């Protein structure tokens, strides 16, 4: 259903894609999902995220 609605939805909602894997894209961009709020049985999802260190970057702070 999301694939079917997305073309019209993008027009009326400033380019929003209903069928985009937003949570995965946010995580891949290096953000940590801190909180997820689902509303209307998961139809609306609010993500709270914070930028963390890039994956695999455990070197700690740079020497001064």
N, C-alpha and C. Protein backbone atom coordinates (compact mmCIF):
# COMPACT_ATOMS: atom_id res chain seq x y z
N UNK A 1 0.83 -1.19 0.00
CA UNK A 1 0.00 0.00 0.00
C UNK A 1 0.88 1.26 0.00
N UNK A 2 2.00 1.22 0.75
CA UNK A 2 2.87 2.40 0.80
C UNK A 2 3.44 2.71 -0.57
N UNK A 3 3.83 1.70 -1.33
CA UNK A 3 4.36 1.93 -2.68
C UNK A 3 3.30 2.56 -3.57
N UNK A 4 2.07 2.14 -3.42
CA UNK A 4 0.97 2.64 -4.24
C UNK A 4 0.65 4.10 -3.89
N UNK A 5 0.71 4.47 -2.60
CA UNK A 5 0.36 5.82 -2.16
C UNK A 5 1.49 6.84 -2.31
N UNK A 6 2.74 6.38 -2.32
CA UNK A 6 3.88 7.30 -2.29
C UNK A 6 3.88 8.37 -3.38
N UNK A 7 3.61 8.08 -4.66
CA UNK A 7 3.66 9.16 -5.66
C UNK A 7 2.73 10.33 -5.33
N UNK A 8 1.51 10.05 -4.93
CA UNK A 8 0.58 11.13 -4.58
C UNK A 8 0.98 11.79 -3.27
N UNK A 9 1.43 10.98 -2.31
CA UNK A 9 1.81 11.50 -1.00
C UNK A 9 2.97 12.48 -1.12
N UNK A 10 3.94 12.20 -1.99
CA UNK A 10 5.09 13.09 -2.18
C UNK A 10 4.64 14.47 -2.63
N UNK A 11 3.61 14.52 -3.46
CA UNK A 11 3.11 15.80 -3.98
C UNK A 11 2.49 16.64 -2.86
N UNK A 12 1.69 16.01 -2.01
CA UNK A 12 0.97 16.76 -0.98
C UNK A 12 1.75 16.92 0.33
N UNK A 13 2.91 16.27 0.44
CA UNK A 13 3.64 16.33 1.71
C UNK A 13 5.10 16.72 1.52
N UNK A 14 5.36 17.57 0.55
CA UNK A 14 6.69 18.16 0.34
C UNK A 14 7.78 17.11 0.12
N UNK A 15 7.46 16.07 -0.65
CA UNK A 15 8.48 15.09 -1.02
C UNK A 15 8.66 13.92 -0.08
N UNK A 16 7.80 13.80 0.94
CA UNK A 16 7.90 12.69 1.89
C UNK A 16 7.63 11.36 1.18
N UNK A 17 8.46 10.36 1.48
CA UNK A 17 8.31 9.02 0.91
C UNK A 17 7.79 8.06 1.98
N UNK A 18 6.61 7.50 1.77
CA UNK A 18 6.05 6.56 2.72
C UNK A 18 6.81 5.23 2.74
N UNK A 19 7.45 4.89 1.63
CA UNK A 19 8.08 3.58 1.50
C UNK A 19 9.60 3.62 1.71
N UNK A 20 10.11 4.66 2.31
CA UNK A 20 11.54 4.76 2.56
C UNK A 20 11.88 4.09 3.89
N UNK A 21 12.97 3.36 3.96
CA UNK A 21 13.42 2.70 5.19
C UNK A 21 14.18 3.71 6.06
N UNK A 22 13.46 4.67 6.60
CA UNK A 22 14.07 5.81 7.29
C UNK A 22 14.95 5.39 8.46
N UNK A 23 14.47 4.48 9.28
CA UNK A 23 15.25 4.08 10.46
C UNK A 23 16.59 3.47 10.05
N UNK A 24 16.60 2.64 9.03
CA UNK A 24 17.86 2.05 8.54
C UNK A 24 18.77 3.11 7.95
N UNK A 25 18.22 4.06 7.21
CA UNK A 25 19.03 5.12 6.62
C UNK A 25 19.66 6.01 7.69
N UNK A 26 18.90 6.31 8.73
CA UNK A 26 19.42 7.13 9.84
C UNK A 26 20.57 6.39 10.53
N UNK A 27 20.40 5.11 10.79
CA UNK A 27 21.46 4.32 11.44
C UNK A 27 22.70 4.22 10.56
N UNK A 28 22.51 3.98 9.27
CA UNK A 28 23.66 3.88 8.36
C UNK A 28 24.43 5.19 8.23
N UNK A 29 23.75 6.31 8.49
CA UNK A 29 24.40 7.61 8.41
C UNK A 29 25.20 7.92 9.67
N UNK A 30 25.24 6.97 10.63
CA UNK A 30 26.05 7.16 11.82
C UNK A 30 25.30 7.69 13.01
N UNK A 31 23.97 7.72 12.94
CA UNK A 31 23.18 8.18 14.07
C UNK A 31 22.74 6.99 14.90
N UNK A 32 22.60 7.22 16.18
CA UNK A 32 22.08 6.20 17.08
C UNK A 32 20.62 6.54 17.38
N UNK A 33 19.73 5.57 17.18
CA UNK A 33 18.33 5.79 17.51
C UNK A 33 18.20 5.73 19.03
N UNK A 34 17.82 6.83 19.62
CA UNK A 34 17.69 6.93 21.07
C UNK A 34 16.29 6.52 21.52
N UNK A 35 15.30 6.94 20.75
CA UNK A 35 13.92 6.64 21.10
C UNK A 35 13.08 6.56 19.83
N UNK A 36 12.11 5.67 19.84
CA UNK A 36 11.19 5.52 18.72
C UNK A 36 9.78 5.55 19.30
N UNK A 37 8.94 6.44 18.77
CA UNK A 37 7.55 6.53 19.19
C UNK A 37 6.66 6.14 18.01
N UNK A 38 5.83 5.13 18.22
CA UNK A 38 4.87 4.69 17.19
C UNK A 38 3.49 5.24 17.55
N UNK A 39 2.83 5.81 16.59
CA UNK A 39 1.48 6.32 16.77
C UNK A 39 0.58 5.69 15.71
N UNK A 40 -0.69 5.65 15.98
CA UNK A 40 -1.70 5.12 15.05
C UNK A 40 -1.28 3.73 14.57
N UNK A 41 -1.03 2.84 15.51
CA UNK A 41 -0.63 1.46 15.19
C UNK A 41 0.56 1.38 14.25
N UNK A 42 1.54 2.26 14.43
CA UNK A 42 2.76 2.23 13.63
C UNK A 42 2.68 2.99 12.33
N UNK A 43 1.53 3.60 12.04
CA UNK A 43 1.41 4.37 10.79
C UNK A 43 2.31 5.60 10.83
N UNK A 44 2.39 6.24 11.98
CA UNK A 44 3.26 7.39 12.16
C UNK A 44 4.37 7.00 13.13
N UNK A 45 5.60 7.27 12.75
CA UNK A 45 6.75 6.92 13.59
C UNK A 45 7.61 8.15 13.79
N UNK A 46 7.94 8.43 15.04
CA UNK A 46 8.81 9.55 15.38
C UNK A 46 10.12 8.97 15.90
N UNK A 47 11.23 9.38 15.30
CA UNK A 47 12.55 8.90 15.72
C UNK A 47 13.30 10.03 16.41
N UNK A 48 13.97 9.69 17.49
CA UNK A 48 14.88 10.61 18.16
C UNK A 48 16.26 9.98 18.02
N UNK A 49 17.19 10.71 17.45
CA UNK A 49 18.52 10.16 17.17
C UNK A 49 19.60 11.16 17.54
N UNK A 50 20.79 10.62 17.81
CA UNK A 50 21.94 11.46 18.12
C UNK A 50 23.12 10.97 17.31
N UNK A 51 23.94 11.90 16.89
CA UNK A 51 25.12 11.55 16.11
C UNK A 51 26.17 10.98 17.04
N UNK A 52 26.67 9.81 16.70
CA UNK A 52 27.71 9.16 17.48
C UNK A 52 28.97 9.04 16.65
N UNK A 53 29.94 8.35 17.18
CA UNK A 53 31.17 8.10 16.44
C UNK A 53 30.86 7.19 15.27
N UNK A 54 31.53 7.36 14.15
CA UNK A 54 31.32 6.46 13.00
C UNK A 54 31.60 5.02 13.41
N UNK A 55 30.90 4.09 12.81
CA UNK A 55 31.06 2.67 13.13
C UNK A 55 32.54 2.28 12.98
N UNK A 56 33.04 1.58 13.98
CA UNK A 56 34.43 1.12 13.95
C UNK A 56 35.43 2.14 14.44
N UNK A 57 34.99 3.32 14.81
CA UNK A 57 35.89 4.37 15.29
C UNK A 57 35.95 4.33 16.81
N UNK A 58 36.86 3.50 17.35
CA UNK A 58 36.99 3.39 18.79
C UNK A 58 38.34 3.90 19.28
N UNK A 59 38.94 4.78 18.49
CA UNK A 59 40.28 5.28 18.83
C UNK A 59 40.25 6.27 19.99
N UNK A 60 39.07 6.78 20.32
CA UNK A 60 38.98 7.75 21.41
C UNK A 60 39.33 9.14 20.94
N UNK A 61 39.46 10.07 21.87
CA UNK A 61 39.74 11.46 21.51
C UNK A 61 41.14 11.61 20.92
N UNK A 62 41.29 12.62 20.08
CA UNK A 62 42.60 12.89 19.46
C UNK A 62 43.56 13.42 20.53
N UNK A 63 44.82 13.05 20.45
CA UNK A 63 45.80 13.55 21.43
C UNK A 63 45.97 15.06 21.29
N UNK A 64 46.27 15.71 22.42
CA UNK A 64 46.44 17.17 22.36
C UNK A 64 47.89 17.58 22.41
